[in-house]
Amino acid sequence: MKIVEGIVNLDTIQKSFIDYVLSYDFSWYYQEALYGTMQFSHCLMRRNDLNLPIPGKIESKDYKVAESIFESFCNSNNIEFNNILRSAINCTFHSAEKNIGVHRDHEFDHGVFLMYLNNSSGDTIIYHGDEEHRITFEQYKAVVFSGEEHSHEFCPIDDRRVVMAFTFN
């Protein structure tokens, strides 16, 4: 299992985009009972309807700046990719559950990029056989891993956990 993590170096436009995402002006959409709990999400690129490893459909005017953050991190860390399969920004809150349900984003081989956009908590846990690898939530930190099952802990009461996610091959 290869895991790459580090702080993303943002340019002025990218930093302004994240400030916008965290503001009252950004559009969020309710998703019910996803992996055992609800969340708010903003779809940047919807996954294709065929469940194949091909790009989905761009759904958001904000896709390009988000894509530039993903590409910048990949280029800085020598991570190669052919296609972006889907992308979203997710916002979760405190829950009585300890973790969101364990899941894989696709049924086929893929990579996962997660970037933590705010100051909060709620580690990401990546499962590889009997091993667990924890990624500590830290603003502007990103992690890339090879699509293993994963979950995350919830943030404290009166907080939110905002994460940008891309899947790719």
C-alpha atoms as a PDB file:
ATOM      1  CA  MET A   1       0.000   0.000   0.000  1.00  0.00           C
ATOM      2  CA  LYS A   2       1.528   3.294  -1.092  1.00  0.00           C
ATOM      3  CA  ILE A   3       0.381   6.423   0.726  1.00  0.00           C
ATOM      4  CA  VAL A   4       1.613   9.938  -0.064  1.00  0.00           C
ATOM      5  CA  GLU A   5       0.717  12.776   2.270  1.00  0.00           C
ATOM      6  CA  GLY A   6       1.800  16.377   2.623  1.00  0.00           C
ATOM      7  CA  ILE A   7       0.727  19.993   2.862  1.00  0.00           C
ATOM      8  CA  VAL A   8      -0.533  21.463  -0.416  1.00  0.00           C
ATOM      9  CA  ASN A   9       1.230  24.606  -1.625  1.00  0.00           C
ATOM     10  CA  LEU A  10      -1.609  26.857  -2.765  1.00  0.00           C
ATOM     11  CA  ASP A  11      -1.409  29.862  -5.054  1.00  0.00           C
ATOM     12  CA  THR A  12      -3.553  32.950  -4.431  1.00  0.00           C
ATOM     13  CA  ILE A  13      -6.452  31.773  -6.621  1.00  0.00           C
ATOM     14  CA  GLN A  14      -6.500  28.316  -5.001  1.00  0.00           C
ATOM     15  CA  LYS A  15      -6.409  29.806  -1.485  1.00  0.00           C
ATOM     16  CA  SER A  16      -9.264  32.170  -2.389  1.00  0.00           C
ATOM     17  CA  PHE A  17     -11.238  29.185  -3.680  1.00  0.00           C
ATOM     18  CA  ILE A  18     -10.864  27.352  -0.351  1.00  0.00           C
ATOM     19  CA  ASP A  19     -11.892  30.513   1.527  1.00  0.00           C
ATOM     20  CA  TYR A  20     -14.978  30.624  -0.723  1.00  0.00           C
ATOM     21  CA  VAL A  21     -15.769  26.938  -0.022  1.00  0.00           C
ATOM     22  CA  LEU A  22     -15.648  27.654   3.708  1.00  0.00           C
ATOM     23  CA  SER A  23     -17.831  30.769   3.404  1.00  0.00           C
ATOM     24  CA  TYR A  24     -21.596  31.189   3.618  1.00  0.00           C
ATOM     25  CA  ASP A  25     -21.736  31.721  -0.171  1.00  0.00           C
ATOM     26  CA  PHE A  26     -20.766  28.191  -1.232  1.00  0.00           C
ATOM     27  CA  SER A  27     -23.584  25.853  -2.333  1.00  0.00           C
ATOM     28  CA  TRP A  28     -24.021  22.610  -0.386  1.00  0.00           C
ATOM     29  CA  TYR A  29     -26.455  19.777  -1.172  1.00  0.00           C
ATOM     30  CA  TYR A  30     -27.848  17.309   1.347  1.00  0.00           C
ATOM     31  CA  GLN A  31     -27.023  13.592   0.936  1.00  0.00           C
ATOM     32  CA  GLU A  32     -28.920  11.152   3.073  1.00  0.00           C
ATOM     33  CA  ALA A  33     -27.443   8.092   4.796  1.00  0.00           C
ATOM     34  CA  LEU A  34     -24.240   7.844   2.784  1.00  0.00           C
ATOM     35  CA  TYR A  35     -22.121   5.071   4.324  1.00  0.00           C
ATOM     36  CA  GLY A  36     -24.219   5.173   7.458  1.00  0.00           C
ATOM     37  CA  THR A  37     -24.705   8.908   7.978  1.00  0.00           C
ATOM     38  CA  MET A  38     -25.758  12.085   6.227  1.00  0.00           C
ATOM     39  CA  GLN A  39     -23.521  14.780   4.806  1.00  0.00           C
ATOM     40  CA  PHE A  40     -23.610  17.892   2.679  1.00  0.00           C
ATOM     41  CA  SER A  41     -21.772  17.687  -0.615  1.00  0.00           C
ATOM     42  CA  HIS A  42     -20.875  19.786  -3.629  1.00  0.00           C
ATOM     43  CA  CYS A  43     -20.342  17.617  -6.703  1.00  0.00           C
ATOM     44  CA  LEU A  44     -17.516  18.877  -8.902  1.00  0.00           C
ATOM     45  CA  MET A  45     -17.479  15.892 -11.320  1.00  0.00           C
ATOM     46  CA  ARG A  46     -20.217  13.255 -11.133  1.00  0.00           C
ATOM     47  CA  ARG A  47     -19.084   9.638 -11.550  1.00  0.00           C
ATOM     48  CA  ASN A  48     -20.116   8.081 -14.866  1.00  0.00           C
ATOM     49  CA  ASP A  49     -23.348   6.093 -14.884  1.00  0.00           C
ATOM     50  CA  LEU A  50     -21.711   2.918 -16.213  1.00  0.00           C
ATOM     51  CA  ASN A  51     -19.463   2.285 -13.177  1.00  0.00           C
ATOM     52  CA  LEU A  52     -16.461   2.095 -15.520  1.00  0.00           C
ATOM     53  CA  PRO A  53     -13.001   3.630 -15.042  1.00  0.00           C
ATOM     54  CA  ILE A  54     -13.748   6.571 -17.353  1.00  0.00           C
ATOM     55  CA  PRO A  55     -14.222  10.259 -16.528  1.00  0.00           C
ATOM     56  CA  GLY A  56     -17.563  11.443 -15.253  1.00  0.00           C
ATOM     57  CA  LYS A  57     -19.410  14.637 -16.114  1.00  0.00           C
ATOM     58  CA  ILE A  58     -18.289  18.021 -14.778  1.00  0.00           C
ATOM     59  CA  GLU A  59     -21.142  19.430 -12.677  1.00  0.00           C
ATOM     60  CA  SER A  60     -19.710  22.568 -11.082  1.00  0.00           C
ATOM     61  CA  LYS A  61     -18.380  25.894 -12.312  1.00  0.00           C
ATOM     62  CA  ASP A  62     -15.731  25.472  -9.597  1.00  0.00           C
ATOM     63  CA  TYR A  63     -14.282  22.277 -11.069  1.00  0.00           C
ATOM     64  CA  LYS A  64     -11.258  23.822 -12.830  1.00  0.00           C
ATOM     65  CA  VAL A  65      -9.742  25.523  -9.781  1.00  0.00           C
ATOM     66  CA  ALA A  66     -10.292  22.379  -7.685  1.00  0.00           C
ATOM     67  CA  GLU A  67      -8.685  20.312 -10.449  1.00  0.00           C
ATOM     68  CA  SER A  68      -5.671  22.667 -10.422  1.00  0.00           C
ATOM     69  CA  ILE A  69      -5.139  21.901  -6.707  1.00  0.00           C
ATOM     70  CA  PHE A  70      -5.279  18.146  -7.364  1.00  0.00           C
ATOM     71  CA  GLU A  71      -2.914  18.411 -10.345  1.00  0.00           C
ATOM     72  CA  SER A  72      -0.464  20.613  -8.441  1.00  0.00           C
ATOM     73  CA  PHE A  73      -0.221  18.122  -5.568  1.00  0.00           C
ATOM     74  CA  CYS A  74       0.215  15.208  -7.983  1.00  0.00           C
ATOM     75  CA  ASN A  75       2.915  17.024  -9.962  1.00  0.00           C
ATOM     76  CA  SER A  76       4.787  18.006  -6.773  1.00  0.00           C
ATOM     77  CA  ASN A  77       4.754  14.394  -5.561  1.00  0.00           C
ATOM     78  CA  ASN A  78       5.414  12.571  -8.869  1.00  0.00           C
ATOM     79  CA  ILE A  79       1.946  10.990  -8.869  1.00  0.00           C
ATOM     80  CA  GLU A  80       0.850  10.023 -12.359  1.00  0.00           C
ATOM     81  CA  PHE A  81      -2.758   9.762 -13.469  1.00  0.00           C
ATOM     82  CA  ASN A  82      -4.643   9.334 -16.731  1.00  0.00           C
ATOM     83  CA  ASN A  83      -8.226  10.287 -15.892  1.00  0.00           C
ATOM     84  CA  ILE A  84     -10.126  11.967 -13.116  1.00  0.00           C
ATOM     85  CA  LEU A  85     -13.123   9.738 -12.422  1.00  0.00           C
ATOM     86  CA  ARG A  86     -15.133  11.837  -9.949  1.00  0.00           C
ATOM     87  CA  SER A  87     -14.703  14.735  -7.565  1.00  0.00           C
ATOM     88  CA  ALA A  88     -16.659  16.343  -4.739  1.00  0.00           C
ATOM     89  CA  ILE A  89     -16.287  18.517  -1.684  1.00  0.00           C
ATOM     90  CA  ASN A  90     -17.906  16.908   1.359  1.00  0.00           C
ATOM     91  CA  CYS A  91     -18.935  18.433   4.663  1.00  0.00           C
ATOM     92  CA  THR A  92     -19.690  16.188   7.627  1.00  0.00           C
ATOM     93  CA  PHE A  93     -20.604  17.028  11.203  1.00  0.00           C
ATOM     94  CA  HIS A  94     -20.493  15.366  14.603  1.00  0.00           C
ATOM     95  CA  SER A  95     -22.300  12.032  14.836  1.00  0.00           C
ATOM     96  CA  ALA A  96     -23.164   9.580  17.580  1.00  0.00           C
ATOM     97  CA  GLU A  97     -21.252   7.050  15.463  1.00  0.00           C
ATOM     98  CA  LYS A  98     -17.474   6.949  15.894  1.00  0.00           C
ATOM     99  CA  ASN A  99     -16.701   6.502  12.177  1.00  0.00           C
ATOM    100  CA  ILE A 100     -18.385   6.758   8.815  1.00  0.00           C
ATOM    101  CA  GLY A 101     -18.904   3.299   7.277  1.00  0.00           C
ATOM    102  CA  VAL A 102     -15.900   1.550   5.734  1.00  0.00           C
ATOM    103  CA  HIS A 103     -16.077   1.804   1.936  1.00  0.00           C
ATOM    104  CA  ARG A 104     -14.268   1.851  -1.399  1.00  0.00           C
ATOM    105  CA  ASP A 105     -15.103   4.643  -3.811  1.00  0.00           C
ATOM    106  CA  HIS A 106     -15.185   2.373  -6.895  1.00  0.00           C
ATOM    107  CA  GLU A 107     -15.350  -1.370  -7.553  1.00  0.00           C
ATOM    108  CA  PHE A 108     -12.304  -1.192  -9.874  1.00  0.00           C
ATOM    109  CA  ASP A 109      -8.665  -0.140  -9.311  1.00  0.00           C
ATOM    110  CA  HIS A 110      -8.321   3.582  -8.683  1.00  0.00           C
ATOM    111  CA  GLY A 111      -6.470   6.190  -6.674  1.00  0.00           C
ATOM    112  CA  VAL A 112      -7.932   8.529  -4.064  1.00  0.00           C
ATOM    113  CA  PHE A 113      -6.898  12.124  -3.324  1.00  0.00           C
ATOM    114  CA  LEU A 114      -8.278  13.738  -0.166  1.00  0.00           C
ATOM    115  CA  MET A 115      -7.507  17.293   0.922  1.00  0.00           C
ATOM    116  CA  TYR A 116      -8.584  18.674   4.278  1.00  0.00           C
ATOM    117  CA  LEU A 117      -9.894  22.212   3.765  1.00  0.00           C
ATOM    118  CA  ASN A 118     -10.554  23.450   7.301  1.00  0.00           C
ATOM    119  CA  ASN A 119      -9.176  23.246  10.823  1.00  0.00           C
ATOM    120  CA  SER A 120     -11.031  20.373  12.465  1.00  0.00           C
ATOM    121  CA  SER A 121     -10.428  16.769  13.412  1.00  0.00           C
ATOM    122  CA  GLY A 122     -11.586  13.363  12.286  1.00  0.00           C
ATOM    123  CA  ASP A 123      -8.741  11.171  11.095  1.00  0.00           C
ATOM    124  CA  THR A 124      -9.006   9.212   7.856  1.00  0.00           C
ATOM    125  CA  ILE A 125      -8.392   5.496   8.378  1.00  0.00           C
ATOM    126  CA  ILE A 126      -7.124   3.405   5.457  1.00  0.00           C
ATOM    127  CA  TYR A 127      -7.483  -0.374   5.759  1.00  0.00           C
ATOM    128  CA  HIS A 128      -5.083  -2.788   4.108  1.00  0.00           C
ATOM    129  CA  GLY A 129      -5.708  -6.363   5.204  1.00  0.00           C
ATOM    130  CA  ASP A 130      -5.246  -6.404   8.968  1.00  0.00           C
ATOM    131  CA  GLU A 131      -3.387  -3.079   8.928  1.00  0.00           C
ATOM    132  CA  GLU A 132      -4.862   0.347   9.622  1.00  0.00           C
ATOM    133  CA  HIS A 133      -3.112   3.531   8.562  1.00  0.00           C
ATOM    134  CA  ARG A 134      -4.325   6.781  10.137  1.00  0.00           C
ATOM    135  CA  ILE A 135      -4.052  10.170   8.451  1.00  0.00           C
ATOM    136  CA  THR A 136      -4.376  13.053  10.910  1.00  0.00           C
ATOM    137  CA  PHE A 137      -6.791  15.778   9.811  1.00  0.00           C
ATOM    138  CA  GLU A 138      -4.892  19.041   9.262  1.00  0.00           C
ATOM    139  CA  GLN A 139      -5.894  22.057   7.196  1.00  0.00           C
ATOM    140  CA  TYR A 140      -4.349  22.003   3.685  1.00  0.00           C
ATOM    141  CA  LYS A 141      -2.987  18.487   4.146  1.00  0.00           C
ATOM    142  CA  ALA A 142      -3.592  16.088   1.284  1.00  0.00           C
ATOM    143  CA  VAL A 143      -3.255  12.331   1.052  1.00  0.00           C
ATOM    144  CA  VAL A 144      -3.195  10.035  -1.959  1.00  0.00           C
ATOM    145  CA  PHE A 145      -3.680   6.295  -1.643  1.00  0.00           C
ATOM    146  CA  SER A 146      -4.519   3.408  -3.942  1.00  0.00           C
ATOM    147  CA  GLY A 147      -8.240   3.044  -3.395  1.00  0.00           C
ATOM    148  CA  GLU A 148      -8.250   0.715  -0.394  1.00  0.00           C
ATOM    149  CA  GLU A 149     -11.227   0.573   1.915  1.00  0.00           C
ATOM    150  CA  HIS A 150     -11.313   3.611   4.152  1.00  0.00           C
ATOM    151  CA  SER A 151     -13.431   5.521   6.628  1.00  0.00           C
ATOM    152  CA  HIS A 152     -13.086   8.593   8.783  1.00  0.00           C
ATOM    153  CA  GLU A 153     -13.822   9.663  12.315  1.00  0.00           C
ATOM    154  CA  PHE A 154     -16.347  12.392  12.935  1.00  0.00           C
ATOM    155  CA  CYS A 155     -15.471  15.850  14.194  1.00  0.00           C
ATOM    156  CA  PRO A 156     -16.484  17.229  17.605  1.00  0.00           C
ATOM    157  CA  ILE A 157     -19.862  18.795  18.374  1.00  0.00           C
ATOM    158  CA  ASP A 158     -20.232  22.323  16.916  1.00  0.00           C
ATOM    159  CA  ASP A 159     -17.616  21.689  14.236  1.00  0.00           C
ATOM    160  CA  ARG A 160     -17.520  20.541  10.626  1.00  0.00           C
ATOM    161  CA  ARG A 161     -15.096  18.443   8.603  1.00  0.00           C
ATOM    162  CA  VAL A 162     -14.639  19.719   5.023  1.00  0.00           C
ATOM    163  CA  VAL A 163     -12.771  17.507   2.560  1.00  0.00           C
ATOM    164  CA  MET A 164     -12.152  17.719  -1.184  1.00  0.00           C
ATOM    165  CA  ALA A 165     -12.008  14.291  -2.839  1.00  0.00           C
ATOM    166  CA  PHE A 166     -10.886  13.161  -6.284  1.00  0.00           C
ATOM    167  CA  THR A 167     -10.701   9.621  -7.626  1.00  0.00           C
ATOM    168  CA  PHE A 168      -8.498   8.853 -10.600  1.00  0.00           C
ATOM    169  CA  ASN A 169      -6.736   6.167 -12.602  1.00  0.00           C
END
